[in-house]
Every structure is written in structure tokens, then in C-alpha cells.
Amino acid sequence: MINIACVLSNVGELYGVDYVYKLKRAFERHLHTEHRFYCFTHVAIPDVYTIDLRHDWPGLWAKIEMFRPHVLSGPTLYCDLDVIL
């Protein structure tokens, strides 16, 4: 199984929960292998595996939290929320 990860921080400034759902649906539609979709965020997102951000780092710096030990194991693909598949 492969992990697909994204980060939603500073909700509402540029991107919102709707972008998370669009990216999740794109992977469901186009990735035909077993995978699990994760979002690192401060907010609850129904039907998405969320991982709480520990820090309140601004903007792009929140991505660093994906490298915390023992958070995700196995192959992981990260995508920004503005990616189109």
C-alpha cells in the first residue's frame, strides 16, 4: 500500500477543505493501486485520515511535519493541494 499525503494549514487563506476533497477524489479516480489518503491539518475533515499538526508553522513550513518519526510508514507520495492529476 502507498500513502498519499497533503497538508492543509492556514485554512481559508489560499486553500480550503474543498481542495483536499478534490485531490482525494483525483487519486481515487486515477490511482489503481491500494492506497490511503492522509491530510496533515488542524481541522477535522470527514472521510479523510487526518494527522494533527503539532506546530503552528506558517504556510509552506507545515510540510516539515511529514518527517516526524513514526507518523507515516512505507512508501509515501506528497502532493500540494494545487496539484491536478
PDB file of N, CA and C in Angstrom:
ATOM      1  N   MET A   1       0.849  -1.176   0.000  1.00  0.00           N
ATOM      2  CA  MET A   1       0.000   0.000   0.000  1.00  0.00           C
ATOM      3  C   MET A   1       0.894   1.238   0.000  1.00  0.00           C
ATOM      4  N   ILE A   2       0.424   2.261  -0.676  1.00  0.00           N
ATOM      5  CA  ILE A   2       1.144   3.530  -0.718  1.00  0.00           C
ATOM      6  C   ILE A   2       0.337   4.590   0.033  1.00  0.00           C
ATOM      7  N   ASN A   3       1.036   5.457   0.724  1.00  0.00           N
ATOM      8  CA  ASN A   3       0.412   6.584   1.403  1.00  0.00           C
ATOM      9  C   ASN A   3       0.446   7.795   0.484  1.00  0.00           C
ATOM     10  N   ILE A   4      -0.667   8.492   0.413  1.00  0.00           N
ATOM     11  CA  ILE A   4      -0.741   9.764  -0.289  1.00  0.00           C
ATOM     12  C   ILE A   4      -0.952  10.825   0.788  1.00  0.00           C
ATOM     13  N   ALA A   5      -0.135  11.862   0.796  1.00  0.00           N
ATOM     14  CA  ALA A   5      -0.215  12.865   1.858  1.00  0.00           C
ATOM     15  C   ALA A   5      -0.313  14.272   1.278  1.00  0.00           C
ATOM     16  N   CYS A   6      -1.039  15.109   1.998  1.00  0.00           N
ATOM     17  CA  CYS A   6      -1.109  16.527   1.685  1.00  0.00           C
ATOM     18  C   CYS A   6      -1.138  17.287   3.002  1.00  0.00           C
ATOM     19  N   VAL A   7      -0.998  18.599   2.926  1.00  0.00           N
ATOM     20  CA  VAL A   7      -1.013  19.442   4.125  1.00  0.00           C
ATOM     21  C   VAL A   7      -2.008  20.572   3.911  1.00  0.00           C
ATOM     22  N   LEU A   8      -2.888  20.755   4.887  1.00  0.00           N
ATOM     23  CA  LEU A   8      -3.818  21.877   4.881  1.00  0.00           C
ATOM     24  C   LEU A   8      -3.563  22.684   6.142  1.00  0.00           C
ATOM     25  N   SER A   9      -2.858  23.786   5.975  1.00  0.00           N
ATOM     26  CA  SER A   9      -2.604  24.686   7.107  1.00  0.00           C
ATOM     27  C   SER A   9      -3.125  26.066   6.728  1.00  0.00           C
ATOM     28  N   ASN A  10      -3.308  26.915   7.697  1.00  0.00           N
ATOM     29  CA  ASN A  10      -3.820  28.265   7.423  1.00  0.00           C
ATOM     30  C   ASN A  10      -5.089  28.196   6.577  1.00  0.00           C
ATOM     31  N   VAL A  11      -6.050  27.417   7.045  1.00  0.00           N
ATOM     32  CA  VAL A  11      -7.278  27.157   6.303  1.00  0.00           C
ATOM     33  C   VAL A  11      -7.955  28.463   5.898  1.00  0.00           C
ATOM     34  N   GLY A  12      -8.299  28.547   4.639  1.00  0.00           N
ATOM     35  CA  GLY A  12      -9.035  29.695   4.147  1.00  0.00           C
ATOM     36  C   GLY A  12      -8.175  30.783   3.531  1.00  0.00           C
ATOM     37  N   GLU A  13      -6.865  30.777   3.787  1.00  0.00           N
ATOM     38  CA  GLU A  13      -6.026  31.816   3.199  1.00  0.00           C
ATOM     39  C   GLU A  13      -5.920  31.625   1.691  1.00  0.00           C
ATOM     40  N   LEU A  14      -5.494  30.451   1.263  1.00  0.00           N
ATOM     41  CA  LEU A  14      -5.438  30.141  -0.163  1.00  0.00           C
ATOM     42  C   LEU A  14      -6.289  28.931  -0.509  1.00  0.00           C
ATOM     43  N   TYR A  15      -6.221  27.928   0.337  1.00  0.00           N
ATOM     44  CA  TYR A  15      -6.887  26.655   0.059  1.00  0.00           C
ATOM     45  C   TYR A  15      -7.740  26.250   1.248  1.00  0.00           C
ATOM     46  N   GLY A  16      -8.801  25.511   0.942  1.00  0.00           N
ATOM     47  CA  GLY A  16      -9.696  25.043   1.987  1.00  0.00           C
ATOM     48  C   GLY A  16      -9.910  23.543   1.887  1.00  0.00           C
ATOM     49  N   VAL A  17     -10.835  23.067   2.669  1.00  0.00           N
ATOM     50  CA  VAL A  17     -11.141  21.641   2.723  1.00  0.00           C
ATOM     51  C   VAL A  17     -11.586  21.128   1.355  1.00  0.00           C
ATOM     52  N   ASP A  18     -12.228  21.952   0.558  1.00  0.00           N
ATOM     53  CA  ASP A  18     -12.673  21.519  -0.762  1.00  0.00           C
ATOM     54  C   ASP A  18     -11.511  21.068  -1.640  1.00  0.00           C
ATOM     55  N   TYR A  19     -10.346  21.687  -1.484  1.00  0.00           N
ATOM     56  CA  TYR A  19      -9.165  21.263  -2.249  1.00  0.00           C
ATOM     57  C   TYR A  19      -8.674  19.890  -1.795  1.00  0.00           C
ATOM     58  N   VAL A  20      -8.796  19.595  -0.515  1.00  0.00           N
ATOM     59  CA  VAL A  20      -8.422  18.271  -0.003  1.00  0.00           C
ATOM     60  C   VAL A  20      -9.316  17.215  -0.639  1.00  0.00           C
ATOM     61  N   TYR A  21     -10.620  17.459  -0.661  1.00  0.00           N
ATOM     62  CA  TYR A  21     -11.549  16.507  -1.267  1.00  0.00           C
ATOM     63  C   TYR A  21     -11.303  16.327  -2.763  1.00  0.00           C
ATOM     64  N   LYS A  22     -10.995  17.409  -3.460  1.00  0.00           N
ATOM     65  CA  LYS A  22     -10.717  17.298  -4.900  1.00  0.00           C
ATOM     66  C   LYS A  22      -9.489  16.435  -5.157  1.00  0.00           C
ATOM     67  N   LEU A  23      -8.444  16.638  -4.366  1.00  0.00           N
ATOM     68  CA  LEU A  23      -7.224  15.853  -4.536  1.00  0.00           C
ATOM     69  C   LEU A  23      -7.479  14.384  -4.185  1.00  0.00           C
ATOM     70  N   LYS A  24      -8.206  14.140  -3.120  1.00  0.00           N
ATOM     71  CA  LYS A  24      -8.539  12.757  -2.711  1.00  0.00           C
ATOM     72  C   LYS A  24      -9.328  12.050  -3.821  1.00  0.00           C
ATOM     73  N   ARG A  25     -10.321  12.722  -4.355  1.00  0.00           N
ATOM     74  CA  ARG A  25     -11.128  12.120  -5.433  1.00  0.00           C
ATOM     75  C   ARG A  25     -10.293  11.865  -6.685  1.00  0.00           C
ATOM     76  N   ALA A  26      -9.349  12.742  -6.985  1.00  0.00           N
ATOM     77  CA  ALA A  26      -8.490  12.538  -8.155  1.00  0.00           C
ATOM     78  C   ALA A  26      -7.645  11.275  -7.992  1.00  0.00           C
ATOM     79  N   PHE A  27      -7.107  11.064  -6.802  1.00  0.00           N
ATOM     80  CA  PHE A  27      -6.330   9.834  -6.583  1.00  0.00           C
ATOM     81  C   PHE A  27      -7.221   8.599  -6.629  1.00  0.00           C
ATOM     82  N   GLU A  28      -8.419   8.694  -6.085  1.00  0.00           N
ATOM     83  CA  GLU A  28      -9.341   7.555  -6.149  1.00  0.00           C
ATOM     84  C   GLU A  28      -9.687   7.218  -7.598  1.00  0.00           C
ATOM     85  N   ARG A  29      -9.798   8.220  -8.422  1.00  0.00           N
ATOM     86  CA  ARG A  29     -10.165   8.036  -9.823  1.00  0.00           C
ATOM     87  C   ARG A  29      -8.998   7.519 -10.665  1.00  0.00           C
ATOM     88  N   HIS A  30      -7.775   7.966 -10.382  1.00  0.00           N
ATOM     89  CA  HIS A  30      -6.659   7.687 -11.279  1.00  0.00           C
ATOM     90  C   HIS A  30      -5.598   6.721 -10.744  1.00  0.00           C
ATOM     91  N   LEU A  31      -5.532   6.505  -9.440  1.00  0.00           N
ATOM     92  CA  LEU A  31      -4.523   5.603  -8.879  1.00  0.00           C
ATOM     93  C   LEU A  31      -5.174   4.253  -8.634  1.00  0.00           C
ATOM     94  N   HIS A  32      -4.821   3.286  -9.443  1.00  0.00           N
ATOM     95  CA  HIS A  32      -5.468   1.979  -9.400  1.00  0.00           C
ATOM     96  C   HIS A  32      -4.644   0.962  -8.618  1.00  0.00           C
ATOM     97  N   THR A  33      -4.105   1.406  -7.508  1.00  0.00           N
ATOM     98  CA  THR A  33      -3.408   0.525  -6.589  1.00  0.00           C
ATOM     99  C   THR A  33      -3.873   0.881  -5.186  1.00  0.00           C
ATOM    100  N   GLU A  34      -3.687  -0.047  -4.270  1.00  0.00           N
ATOM    101  CA  GLU A  34      -4.139   0.189  -2.907  1.00  0.00           C
ATOM    102  C   GLU A  34      -3.383   1.377  -2.305  1.00  0.00           C
ATOM    103  N   HIS A  35      -4.134   2.310  -1.743  1.00  0.00           N
ATOM    104  CA  HIS A  35      -3.514   3.492  -1.152  1.00  0.00           C
ATOM    105  C   HIS A  35      -4.408   4.029  -0.039  1.00  0.00           C
ATOM    106  N   ARG A  36      -3.819   4.884   0.773  1.00  0.00           N
ATOM    107  CA  ARG A  36      -4.561   5.577   1.832  1.00  0.00           C
ATOM    108  C   ARG A  36      -4.189   7.051   1.763  1.00  0.00           C
ATOM    109  N   PHE A  37      -5.204   7.902   1.825  1.00  0.00           N
ATOM    110  CA  PHE A  37      -5.029   9.332   1.669  1.00  0.00           C
ATOM    111  C   PHE A  37      -5.014  10.001   3.043  1.00  0.00           C
ATOM    112  N   TYR A  38      -3.955  10.757   3.327  1.00  0.00           N
ATOM    113  CA  TYR A  38      -3.789  11.450   4.600  1.00  0.00           C
ATOM    114  C   TYR A  38      -3.705  12.950   4.372  1.00  0.00           C
ATOM    115  N   CYS A  39      -4.185  13.697   5.362  1.00  0.00           N
ATOM    116  CA  CYS A  39      -4.031  15.143   5.335  1.00  0.00           C
ATOM    117  C   CYS A  39      -3.517  15.603   6.695  1.00  0.00           C
ATOM    118  N   PHE A  40      -2.395  16.288   6.697  1.00  0.00           N
ATOM    119  CA  PHE A  40      -1.859  16.918   7.907  1.00  0.00           C
ATOM    120  C   PHE A  40      -2.574  18.252   8.056  1.00  0.00           C
ATOM    121  N   THR A  41      -3.274  18.447   9.172  1.00  0.00           N
ATOM    122  CA  THR A  41      -4.090  19.642   9.318  1.00  0.00           C
ATOM    123  C   THR A  41      -4.458  19.886  10.779  1.00  0.00           C
ATOM    124  N   HIS A  42      -5.009  21.071  11.045  1.00  0.00           N
ATOM    125  CA  HIS A  42      -5.531  21.421  12.367  1.00  0.00           C
ATOM    126  C   HIS A  42      -7.030  21.173  12.466  1.00  0.00           C
ATOM    127  N   VAL A  43      -7.693  20.856  11.366  1.00  0.00           N
ATOM    128  CA  VAL A  43      -9.149  20.725  11.358  1.00  0.00           C
ATOM    129  C   VAL A  43      -9.568  19.289  11.070  1.00  0.00           C
ATOM    130  N   ALA A  44     -10.753  18.926  11.506  1.00  0.00           N
ATOM    131  CA  ALA A  44     -11.313  17.613  11.206  1.00  0.00           C
ATOM    132  C   ALA A  44     -11.901  17.648   9.795  1.00  0.00           C
ATOM    133  N   ILE A  45     -11.611  16.613   9.016  1.00  0.00           N
ATOM    134  CA  ILE A  45     -12.133  16.520   7.659  1.00  0.00           C
ATOM    135  C   ILE A  45     -12.805  15.155   7.525  1.00  0.00           C
ATOM    136  N   PRO A  46     -14.127  15.115   7.489  1.00  0.00           N
ATOM    137  CA  PRO A  46     -14.830  13.834   7.378  1.00  0.00           C
ATOM    138  C   PRO A  46     -14.380  13.042   6.147  1.00  0.00           C
ATOM    139  N   ASP A  47     -14.274  11.726   6.306  1.00  0.00           N
ATOM    140  CA  ASP A  47     -13.895  10.792   5.237  1.00  0.00           C
ATOM    141  C   ASP A  47     -12.453  10.933   4.770  1.00  0.00           C
ATOM    142  N   VAL A  48     -11.609  11.597   5.556  1.00  0.00           N
ATOM    143  CA  VAL A  48     -10.177  11.726   5.245  1.00  0.00           C
ATOM    144  C   VAL A  48      -9.406  11.373   6.511  1.00  0.00           C
ATOM    145  N   TYR A  49      -8.368  10.557   6.369  1.00  0.00           N
ATOM    146  CA  TYR A  49      -7.488  10.284   7.506  1.00  0.00           C
ATOM    147  C   TYR A  49      -6.692  11.549   7.783  1.00  0.00           C
ATOM    148  N   THR A  50      -6.882  12.122   8.955  1.00  0.00           N
ATOM    149  CA  THR A  50      -6.167  13.353   9.290  1.00  0.00           C
ATOM    150  C   THR A  50      -5.120  13.087  10.356  1.00  0.00           C
ATOM    151  N   ILE A  51      -4.038  13.823  10.266  1.00  0.00           N
ATOM    152  CA  ILE A  51      -2.957  13.780  11.244  1.00  0.00           C
ATOM    153  C   ILE A  51      -2.786  15.199  11.754  1.00  0.00           C
ATOM    154  N   ASP A  52      -2.901  15.361  13.058  1.00  0.00           N
ATOM    155  CA  ASP A  52      -2.830  16.702  13.642  1.00  0.00           C
ATOM    156  C   ASP A  52      -1.449  17.323  13.474  1.00  0.00           C
ATOM    157  N   LEU A  53      -1.447  18.568  13.064  1.00  0.00           N
ATOM    158  CA  LEU A  53      -0.210  19.347  13.032  1.00  0.00           C
ATOM    159  C   LEU A  53       0.136  19.712  14.474  1.00  0.00           C
ATOM    160  N   ARG A  54       1.372  19.488  14.862  1.00  0.00           N
ATOM    161  CA  ARG A  54       1.794  19.801  16.231  1.00  0.00           C
ATOM    162  C   ARG A  54       2.185  21.255  16.405  1.00  0.00           C
ATOM    163  N   HIS A  55       2.593  21.870  15.334  1.00  0.00           N
ATOM    164  CA  HIS A  55       3.090  23.244  15.403  1.00  0.00           C
ATOM    165  C   HIS A  55       2.194  24.148  14.568  1.00  0.00           C
ATOM    166  N   ASP A  56       2.291  25.411  14.804  1.00  0.00           N
ATOM    167  CA  ASP A  56       1.511  26.382  14.048  1.00  0.00           C
ATOM    168  C   ASP A  56       2.428  27.143  13.089  1.00  0.00           C
ATOM    169  N   TRP A  57       3.246  26.373  12.369  1.00  0.00           N
ATOM    170  CA  TRP A  57       4.173  26.996  11.434  1.00  0.00           C
ATOM    171  C   TRP A  57       3.407  27.573  10.254  1.00  0.00           C
ATOM    172  N   PRO A  58       3.802  28.735   9.769  1.00  0.00           N
ATOM    173  CA  PRO A  58       3.068  29.382   8.681  1.00  0.00           C
ATOM    174  C   PRO A  58       3.356  28.740   7.322  1.00  0.00           C
ATOM    175  N   GLY A  59       2.333  28.759   6.493  1.00  0.00           N
ATOM    176  CA  GLY A  59       2.471  28.395   5.081  1.00  0.00           C
ATOM    177  C   GLY A  59       3.207  27.110   4.801  1.00  0.00           C
ATOM    178  N   LEU A  60       4.217  27.213   3.953  1.00  0.00           N
ATOM    179  CA  LEU A  60       4.964  26.052   3.475  1.00  0.00           C
ATOM    180  C   LEU A  60       5.697  25.290   4.570  1.00  0.00           C
ATOM    181  N   TRP A  61       5.988  25.936   5.682  1.00  0.00           N
ATOM    182  CA  TRP A  61       6.758  25.283   6.741  1.00  0.00           C
ATOM    183  C   TRP A  61       6.012  24.125   7.381  1.00  0.00           C
ATOM    184  N   ALA A  62       4.704  24.088   7.283  1.00  0.00           N
ATOM    185  CA  ALA A  62       3.921  22.994   7.875  1.00  0.00           C
ATOM    186  C   ALA A  62       4.259  21.646   7.244  1.00  0.00           C
ATOM    187  N   LYS A  63       4.768  21.648   6.021  1.00  0.00           N
ATOM    188  CA  LYS A  63       5.125  20.391   5.347  1.00  0.00           C
ATOM    189  C   LYS A  63       6.203  19.611   6.093  1.00  0.00           C
ATOM    190  N   ILE A  64       7.008  20.293   6.852  1.00  0.00           N
ATOM    191  CA  ILE A  64       8.090  19.638   7.581  1.00  0.00           C
ATOM    192  C   ILE A  64       7.551  18.581   8.546  1.00  0.00           C
ATOM    193  N   GLU A  65       6.324  18.761   9.000  1.00  0.00           N
ATOM    194  CA  GLU A  65       5.752  17.825   9.961  1.00  0.00           C
ATOM    195  C   GLU A  65       5.573  16.422   9.390  1.00  0.00           C
ATOM    196  N   MET A  66       5.603  16.263   8.090  1.00  0.00           N
ATOM    197  CA  MET A  66       5.510  14.923   7.500  1.00  0.00           C
ATOM    198  C   MET A  66       6.724  14.067   7.841  1.00  0.00           C
ATOM    199  N   PHE A  67       7.811  14.705   8.244  1.00  0.00           N
ATOM    200  CA  PHE A  67       9.040  13.980   8.532  1.00  0.00           C
ATOM    201  C   PHE A  67       9.188  13.621  10.004  1.00  0.00           C
ATOM    202  N   ARG A  68       8.128  13.833  10.792  1.00  0.00           N
ATOM    203  CA  ARG A  68       8.176  13.397  12.187  1.00  0.00           C
ATOM    204  C   ARG A  68       8.336  11.879  12.212  1.00  0.00           C
ATOM    205  N   PRO A  69       9.139  11.359  13.148  1.00  0.00           N
ATOM    206  CA  PRO A  69       9.322   9.904  13.217  1.00  0.00           C
ATOM    207  C   PRO A  69       8.007   9.183  13.520  1.00  0.00           C
ATOM    208  N   HIS A  70       7.831   8.054  12.884  1.00  0.00           N
ATOM    209  CA  HIS A  70       6.732   7.127  13.163  1.00  0.00           C
ATOM    210  C   HIS A  70       5.351   7.687  12.846  1.00  0.00           C
ATOM    211  N   VAL A  71       5.264   8.683  11.975  1.00  0.00           N
ATOM    212  CA  VAL A  71       3.956   9.221  11.602  1.00  0.00           C
ATOM    213  C   VAL A  71       3.389   8.419  10.426  1.00  0.00           C
ATOM    214  N   LEU A  72       4.136   8.326   9.354  1.00  0.00           N
ATOM    215  CA  LEU A  72       3.748   7.508   8.209  1.00  0.00           C
ATOM    216  C   LEU A  72       4.842   6.485   7.949  1.00  0.00           C
ATOM    217  N   SER A  73       4.449   5.260   7.687  1.00  0.00           N
ATOM    218  CA  SER A  73       5.452   4.251   7.360  1.00  0.00           C
ATOM    219  C   SER A  73       5.168   3.708   5.965  1.00  0.00           C
ATOM    220  N   GLY A  74       6.215   3.315   5.293  1.00  0.00           N
ATOM    221  CA  GLY A  74       6.076   2.797   3.941  1.00  0.00           C
ATOM    222  C   GLY A  74       6.196   3.895   2.911  1.00  0.00           C
ATOM    223  N   PRO A  75       6.044   3.507   1.646  1.00  0.00           N
ATOM    224  CA  PRO A  75       6.180   4.493   0.583  1.00  0.00           C
ATOM    225  C   PRO A  75       5.101   5.573   0.688  1.00  0.00           C
ATOM    226  N   THR A  76       5.530   6.823   0.535  1.00  0.00           N
ATOM    227  CA  THR A  76       4.622   7.953   0.676  1.00  0.00           C
ATOM    228  C   THR A  76       4.850   8.938  -0.453  1.00  0.00           C
ATOM    229  N   LEU A  77       3.758   9.373  -1.055  1.00  0.00           N
ATOM    230  CA  LEU A  77       3.800  10.388  -2.101  1.00  0.00           C
ATOM    231  C   LEU A  77       3.127  11.631  -1.549  1.00  0.00           C
ATOM    232  N   TYR A  78       3.838  12.750  -1.582  1.00  0.00           N
ATOM    233  CA  TYR A  78       3.277  14.015  -1.118  1.00  0.00           C
ATOM    234  C   TYR A  78       2.849  14.844  -2.319  1.00  0.00           C
ATOM    235  N   CYS A  79       1.690  15.495  -2.197  1.00  0.00           N
ATOM    236  CA  CYS A  79       1.224  16.409  -3.240  1.00  0.00           C
ATOM    237  C   CYS A  79       0.710  17.682  -2.600  1.00  0.00           C
ATOM    238  N   ASP A  80       1.034  18.821  -3.195  1.00  0.00           N
ATOM    239  CA  ASP A  80       0.428  20.074  -2.782  1.00  0.00           C
ATOM    240  C   ASP A  80      -1.048  20.066  -3.170  1.00  0.00           C
ATOM    241  N   LEU A  81      -1.818  20.908  -2.523  1.00  0.00           N
ATOM    242  CA  LEU A  81      -3.251  20.950  -2.792  1.00  0.00           C
ATOM    243  C   LEU A  81      -3.610  21.530  -4.145  1.00  0.00           C
ATOM    244  N   ASP A  82      -2.662  22.192  -4.805  1.00  0.00           N
ATOM    245  CA  ASP A  82      -2.960  22.763  -6.121  1.00  0.00           C
ATOM    246  C   ASP A  82      -2.584  21.835  -7.279  1.00  0.00           C
ATOM    247  N   VAL A  83      -2.276  20.580  -6.964  1.00  0.00           N
ATOM    248  CA  VAL A  83      -1.895  19.611  -7.985  1.00  0.00           C
ATOM    249  C   VAL A  83      -3.135  19.111  -8.714  1.00  0.00           C
ATOM    250  N   ILE A  84      -3.023  18.972 -10.025  1.00  0.00           N
ATOM    251  CA  ILE A  84      -4.092  18.376 -10.830  1.00  0.00           C
ATOM    252  C   ILE A  84      -3.549  17.098 -11.445  1.00  0.00           C
ATOM    253  N   LEU A  85      -4.249  16.007 -11.228  1.00  0.00           N
ATOM    254  CA  LEU A  85      -3.825  14.724 -11.796  1.00  0.00           C
ATOM    255  C   LEU A  85      -4.449  14.522 -13.151  1.00  0.00           C
TER     256      LEU A  85
END
